[in-house]
Amino acid sequence: MNHDDETRTVLLDILRIGILRIRLLGWDGHGQQCAIEADHLHNIPQLIQSLNLEQLLYYYSIERPAFLSSIASNTNQFKSYWEHLAQLIHKKPDSGENPRLSAT
């Protein structure tokens, strides 16, 4: 699996977990928490499509902490995926790899 594919897989896992959390919160009648979860997730499809380093850094450094500060429920399900994403964002691409995730 190359760097881009690995990054997309991590983002898809974050999206999958978030959608499952929204479903559970919705069934439990927590509409406001659903909105917070959805706000956290709404830009991830664009991140998956573009793999733009600046956008990924913004998600990780700004959007993710904002989500953490506003959500009332436990977010441990995301922890390993966020850690993996941080490693991928800061990893230098191998030779021959698409340089989209490398700093310019």
N, C-alpha and C. Protein backbone atom coordinates (compact mmCIF):
# COMPACT_ATOMS: atom_id res chain seq x y z
N MET A 1 0.86 -1.17 0.00
CA MET A 1 0.00 0.00 0.00
C MET A 1 0.90 1.23 0.00
N ASN A 2 0.64 2.15 -0.94
CA ASN A 2 1.47 3.34 -0.96
C ASN A 2 0.96 4.39 0.03
N HIS A 3 1.70 5.44 0.17
CA HIS A 3 1.43 6.50 1.15
C HIS A 3 0.04 7.11 0.94
N ASP A 4 -0.32 7.43 -0.30
CA ASP A 4 -1.64 8.01 -0.59
C ASP A 4 -2.75 7.04 -0.22
N ASP A 5 -2.61 5.78 -0.61
CA ASP A 5 -3.63 4.78 -0.29
C ASP A 5 -3.78 4.60 1.22
N GLU A 6 -2.66 4.60 1.91
CA GLU A 6 -2.69 4.44 3.36
C GLU A 6 -3.39 5.62 4.03
N THR A 7 -3.11 6.83 3.54
CA THR A 7 -3.76 8.03 4.08
C THR A 7 -5.26 7.98 3.82
N ARG A 8 -5.64 7.61 2.61
CA ARG A 8 -7.07 7.50 2.29
C ARG A 8 -7.75 6.46 3.18
N THR A 9 -7.09 5.35 3.42
CA THR A 9 -7.66 4.29 4.26
C THR A 9 -7.89 4.81 5.68
N VAL A 10 -6.94 5.53 6.23
CA VAL A 10 -7.10 6.09 7.58
C VAL A 10 -8.26 7.08 7.61
N LEU A 11 -8.33 7.95 6.61
CA LEU A 11 -9.43 8.92 6.56
C LEU A 11 -10.78 8.22 6.41
N LEU A 12 -10.84 7.17 5.60
CA LEU A 12 -12.08 6.40 5.47
C LEU A 12 -12.46 5.74 6.78
N ASP A 13 -11.49 5.26 7.53
CA ASP A 13 -11.77 4.67 8.84
C ASP A 13 -12.33 5.72 9.80
N ILE A 14 -11.76 6.91 9.80
CA ILE A 14 -12.28 8.00 10.64
C ILE A 14 -13.71 8.33 10.24
N LEU A 15 -13.97 8.40 8.94
CA LEU A 15 -15.32 8.68 8.45
C LEU A 15 -16.30 7.57 8.85
N ARG A 16 -15.88 6.32 8.71
CA ARG A 16 -16.74 5.18 9.07
C ARG A 16 -17.09 5.21 10.55
N ILE A 17 -16.10 5.41 11.39
CA ILE A 17 -16.33 5.45 12.84
C ILE A 17 -17.27 6.61 13.18
N GLY A 18 -17.03 7.76 12.57
CA GLY A 18 -17.87 8.92 12.84
C GLY A 18 -19.32 8.70 12.44
N ILE A 19 -19.54 8.07 11.31
CA ILE A 19 -20.92 7.79 10.87
C ILE A 19 -21.59 6.82 11.83
N LEU A 20 -20.87 5.82 12.28
CA LEU A 20 -21.44 4.89 13.26
C LEU A 20 -21.77 5.61 14.57
N ARG A 21 -20.91 6.53 14.98
CA ARG A 21 -21.17 7.31 16.19
C ARG A 21 -22.41 8.19 16.02
N ILE A 22 -22.57 8.80 14.85
CA ILE A 22 -23.76 9.61 14.58
C ILE A 22 -25.01 8.76 14.66
N ARG A 23 -24.95 7.57 14.08
CA ARG A 23 -26.11 6.68 14.13
C ARG A 23 -26.48 6.34 15.57
N LEU A 24 -25.50 5.98 16.37
CA LEU A 24 -25.76 5.64 17.77
C LEU A 24 -26.30 6.84 18.55
N LEU A 25 -25.66 7.99 18.38
CA LEU A 25 -26.14 9.20 19.07
C LEU A 25 -27.56 9.57 18.63
N GLY A 26 -27.85 9.41 17.35
CA GLY A 26 -29.19 9.70 16.85
C GLY A 26 -30.24 8.79 17.46
N TRP A 27 -29.96 7.50 17.50
CA TRP A 27 -30.91 6.56 18.10
C TRP A 27 -31.12 6.84 19.58
N ASP A 28 -30.10 7.42 20.22
CA ASP A 28 -30.21 7.76 21.64
C ASP A 28 -30.81 9.15 21.86
N GLY A 29 -31.18 9.83 20.78
CA GLY A 29 -31.84 11.13 20.90
C GLY A 29 -30.92 12.31 21.18
N HIS A 30 -29.67 12.20 20.79
CA HIS A 30 -28.69 13.27 21.04
C HIS A 30 -28.40 14.04 19.75
N GLY A 31 -29.38 14.81 19.31
CA GLY A 31 -29.27 15.54 18.04
C GLY A 31 -28.12 16.53 17.99
N GLN A 32 -27.89 17.26 19.07
CA GLN A 32 -26.81 18.24 19.07
C GLN A 32 -25.45 17.56 18.94
N GLN A 33 -25.27 16.43 19.60
CA GLN A 33 -24.02 15.70 19.49
C GLN A 33 -23.84 15.14 18.07
N CYS A 34 -24.96 14.75 17.44
CA CYS A 34 -24.90 14.29 16.04
C CYS A 34 -24.38 15.41 15.14
N ALA A 35 -24.87 16.62 15.37
CA ALA A 35 -24.44 17.77 14.57
C ALA A 35 -22.94 18.03 14.76
N ILE A 36 -22.46 17.91 15.98
CA ILE A 36 -21.03 18.11 16.24
C ILE A 36 -20.20 17.05 15.53
N GLU A 37 -20.65 15.81 15.59
CA GLU A 37 -19.96 14.73 14.88
C GLU A 37 -19.96 14.98 13.37
N ALA A 38 -21.11 15.37 12.84
CA ALA A 38 -21.21 15.62 11.39
C ALA A 38 -20.31 16.79 10.98
N ASP A 39 -20.25 17.82 11.82
CA ASP A 39 -19.38 18.96 11.53
C ASP A 39 -17.92 18.51 11.47
N HIS A 40 -17.55 17.60 12.34
CA HIS A 40 -16.19 17.05 12.35
C HIS A 40 -15.89 16.30 11.05
N LEU A 41 -16.88 15.62 10.51
CA LEU A 41 -16.65 14.72 9.37
C LEU A 41 -16.88 15.33 8.00
N HIS A 42 -17.56 16.46 7.92
CA HIS A 42 -18.05 16.92 6.62
C HIS A 42 -16.97 17.24 5.59
N ASN A 43 -15.76 17.56 5.99
CA ASN A 43 -14.69 17.85 5.04
C ASN A 43 -13.83 16.64 4.68
N ILE A 44 -14.04 15.54 5.35
CA ILE A 44 -13.18 14.37 5.11
C ILE A 44 -13.30 13.82 3.68
N PRO A 45 -14.49 13.78 3.06
CA PRO A 45 -14.50 13.32 1.66
C PRO A 45 -13.58 14.15 0.74
N GLN A 46 -13.52 15.46 0.95
CA GLN A 46 -12.62 16.30 0.14
C GLN A 46 -11.16 15.97 0.45
N LEU A 47 -10.87 15.69 1.71
CA LEU A 47 -9.50 15.30 2.06
C LEU A 47 -9.11 14.00 1.38
N ILE A 48 -10.03 13.06 1.35
CA ILE A 48 -9.77 11.77 0.69
C ILE A 48 -9.52 11.98 -0.79
N GLN A 49 -10.29 12.87 -1.39
CA GLN A 49 -10.15 13.12 -2.82
C GLN A 49 -8.86 13.84 -3.16
N SER A 50 -8.52 14.87 -2.40
CA SER A 50 -7.40 15.72 -2.79
C SER A 50 -6.06 15.33 -2.17
N LEU A 51 -6.08 14.81 -0.95
CA LEU A 51 -4.86 14.54 -0.18
C LEU A 51 -3.94 15.76 -0.15
N ASN A 52 -4.53 16.93 -0.08
CA ASN A 52 -3.78 18.17 -0.01
C ASN A 52 -3.16 18.32 1.37
N LEU A 53 -1.85 18.50 1.43
CA LEU A 53 -1.15 18.55 2.71
C LEU A 53 -1.66 19.68 3.59
N GLU A 54 -1.85 20.86 3.03
CA GLU A 54 -2.33 21.99 3.83
C GLU A 54 -3.71 21.69 4.44
N GLN A 55 -4.59 21.10 3.67
CA GLN A 55 -5.92 20.76 4.17
C GLN A 55 -5.85 19.67 5.23
N LEU A 56 -4.98 18.69 5.03
CA LEU A 56 -4.81 17.63 6.02
C LEU A 56 -4.26 18.21 7.33
N LEU A 57 -3.29 19.10 7.23
CA LEU A 57 -2.75 19.74 8.43
C LEU A 57 -3.81 20.58 9.13
N TYR A 58 -4.65 21.27 8.36
CA TYR A 58 -5.72 22.07 8.95
C TYR A 58 -6.71 21.16 9.68
N TYR A 59 -7.08 20.06 9.05
CA TYR A 59 -7.97 19.11 9.72
C TYR A 59 -7.35 18.64 11.03
N TYR A 60 -6.10 18.20 10.97
CA TYR A 60 -5.46 17.61 12.14
C TYR A 60 -5.19 18.65 13.23
N SER A 61 -4.76 19.83 12.85
CA SER A 61 -4.34 20.83 13.82
C SER A 61 -5.44 21.76 14.31
N ILE A 62 -6.48 21.95 13.50
CA ILE A 62 -7.54 22.91 13.84
C ILE A 62 -8.89 22.21 14.05
N GLU A 63 -9.35 21.48 13.03
CA GLU A 63 -10.68 20.88 13.10
C GLU A 63 -10.77 19.77 14.15
N ARG A 64 -9.77 18.92 14.20
CA ARG A 64 -9.79 17.82 15.17
C ARG A 64 -9.80 18.33 16.61
N PRO A 65 -8.91 19.28 16.97
CA PRO A 65 -8.97 19.80 18.34
C PRO A 65 -10.28 20.53 18.65
N ALA A 66 -10.85 21.22 17.66
CA ALA A 66 -12.14 21.89 17.88
C ALA A 66 -13.22 20.86 18.17
N PHE A 67 -13.21 19.76 17.44
CA PHE A 67 -14.14 18.67 17.68
C PHE A 67 -13.95 18.12 19.09
N LEU A 68 -12.71 17.86 19.46
CA LEU A 68 -12.43 17.31 20.79
C LEU A 68 -12.91 18.23 21.91
N SER A 69 -12.81 19.52 21.70
CA SER A 69 -13.23 20.45 22.75
C SER A 69 -14.74 20.63 22.83
N SER A 70 -15.45 20.23 21.79
CA SER A 70 -16.90 20.45 21.78
C SER A 70 -17.74 19.19 21.96
N ILE A 71 -17.14 18.02 21.86
CA ILE A 71 -17.91 16.77 21.94
C ILE A 71 -17.99 16.30 23.39
N ALA A 72 -19.15 15.83 23.78
CA ALA A 72 -19.35 15.36 25.16
C ALA A 72 -19.01 13.88 25.31
N SER A 73 -19.07 13.13 24.21
CA SER A 73 -18.85 11.69 24.31
C SER A 73 -17.36 11.34 24.15
N ASN A 74 -17.02 10.13 24.55
CA ASN A 74 -15.67 9.61 24.48
C ASN A 74 -15.23 9.49 23.01
N THR A 75 -14.01 9.87 22.72
CA THR A 75 -13.50 9.82 21.35
C THR A 75 -12.36 8.81 21.18
N ASN A 76 -12.23 7.88 22.11
CA ASN A 76 -11.12 6.92 22.05
C ASN A 76 -11.13 6.09 20.77
N GLN A 77 -12.29 5.92 20.14
CA GLN A 77 -12.34 5.12 18.91
C GLN A 77 -11.49 5.74 17.80
N PHE A 78 -11.31 7.05 17.84
CA PHE A 78 -10.54 7.74 16.81
C PHE A 78 -9.04 7.77 17.09
N LYS A 79 -8.64 7.56 18.34
CA LYS A 79 -7.28 7.84 18.78
C LYS A 79 -6.21 7.19 17.91
N SER A 80 -6.28 5.90 17.67
CA SER A 80 -5.23 5.23 16.89
C SER A 80 -5.21 5.71 15.44
N TYR A 81 -6.38 6.05 14.91
CA TYR A 81 -6.44 6.55 13.53
C TYR A 81 -5.84 7.94 13.42
N TRP A 82 -6.11 8.79 14.41
CA TRP A 82 -5.51 10.12 14.41
C TRP A 82 -4.00 10.04 14.57
N GLU A 83 -3.52 9.13 15.41
CA GLU A 83 -2.07 8.96 15.57
C GLU A 83 -1.44 8.49 14.26
N HIS A 84 -2.09 7.56 13.60
CA HIS A 84 -1.59 7.07 12.31
C HIS A 84 -1.60 8.19 11.28
N LEU A 85 -2.68 8.98 11.25
CA LEU A 85 -2.76 10.10 10.30
C LEU A 85 -1.63 11.09 10.55
N ALA A 86 -1.34 11.39 11.80
CA ALA A 86 -0.25 12.32 12.12
C ALA A 86 1.08 11.79 11.57
N GLN A 87 1.31 10.50 11.73
CA GLN A 87 2.54 9.91 11.19
C GLN A 87 2.60 10.04 9.68
N LEU A 88 1.48 9.81 9.02
CA LEU A 88 1.45 9.89 7.56
C LEU A 88 1.62 11.32 7.06
N ILE A 89 1.02 12.27 7.76
CA ILE A 89 1.14 13.67 7.35
C ILE A 89 2.59 14.12 7.43
N HIS A 90 3.30 13.66 8.44
CA HIS A 90 4.68 14.12 8.65
C HIS A 90 5.73 13.22 8.02
N LYS A 91 5.29 12.15 7.39
CA LYS A 91 6.20 11.20 6.75
C LYS A 91 6.63 11.74 5.39
N LYS A 92 7.89 11.63 5.09
CA LYS A 92 8.37 12.02 3.76
C LYS A 92 8.04 10.91 2.78
N PRO A 93 7.60 11.27 1.57
CA PRO A 93 7.27 10.24 0.59
C PRO A 93 8.50 9.50 0.10
N ASP A 94 8.32 8.22 -0.21
CA ASP A 94 9.39 7.42 -0.80
C ASP A 94 9.63 7.89 -2.22
N SER A 95 10.80 7.61 -2.76
CA SER A 95 11.08 7.99 -4.12
C SER A 95 10.10 7.30 -5.07
N GLY A 96 9.62 8.04 -6.04
CA GLY A 96 8.66 7.50 -6.99
C GLY A 96 7.22 7.62 -6.51
N GLU A 97 7.01 8.01 -5.29
CA GLU A 97 5.66 8.17 -4.75
C GLU A 97 5.11 9.52 -5.12
N ASN A 98 3.82 9.62 -5.17
CA ASN A 98 3.17 10.89 -5.42
C ASN A 98 3.52 11.86 -4.30
N PRO A 99 4.07 13.03 -4.64
CA PRO A 99 4.53 13.95 -3.60
C PRO A 99 3.45 14.83 -2.99
N ARG A 100 2.17 14.55 -3.20
CA ARG A 100 1.13 15.44 -2.70
C ARG A 100 1.21 15.66 -1.21
N LEU A 101 1.60 14.64 -0.46
CA LEU A 101 1.64 14.80 0.99
C LEU A 101 2.97 15.32 1.51
N SER A 102 3.89 15.63 0.61
CA SER A 102 5.15 16.18 1.08
C SER A 102 5.03 17.70 1.17
N ALA A 103 5.72 18.27 2.11
CA ALA A 103 5.71 19.73 2.25
C ALA A 103 6.42 20.33 1.06
N THR A 104 5.91 21.45 0.58
CA THR A 104 6.55 22.11 -0.56
C THR A 104 7.21 23.38 -0.15
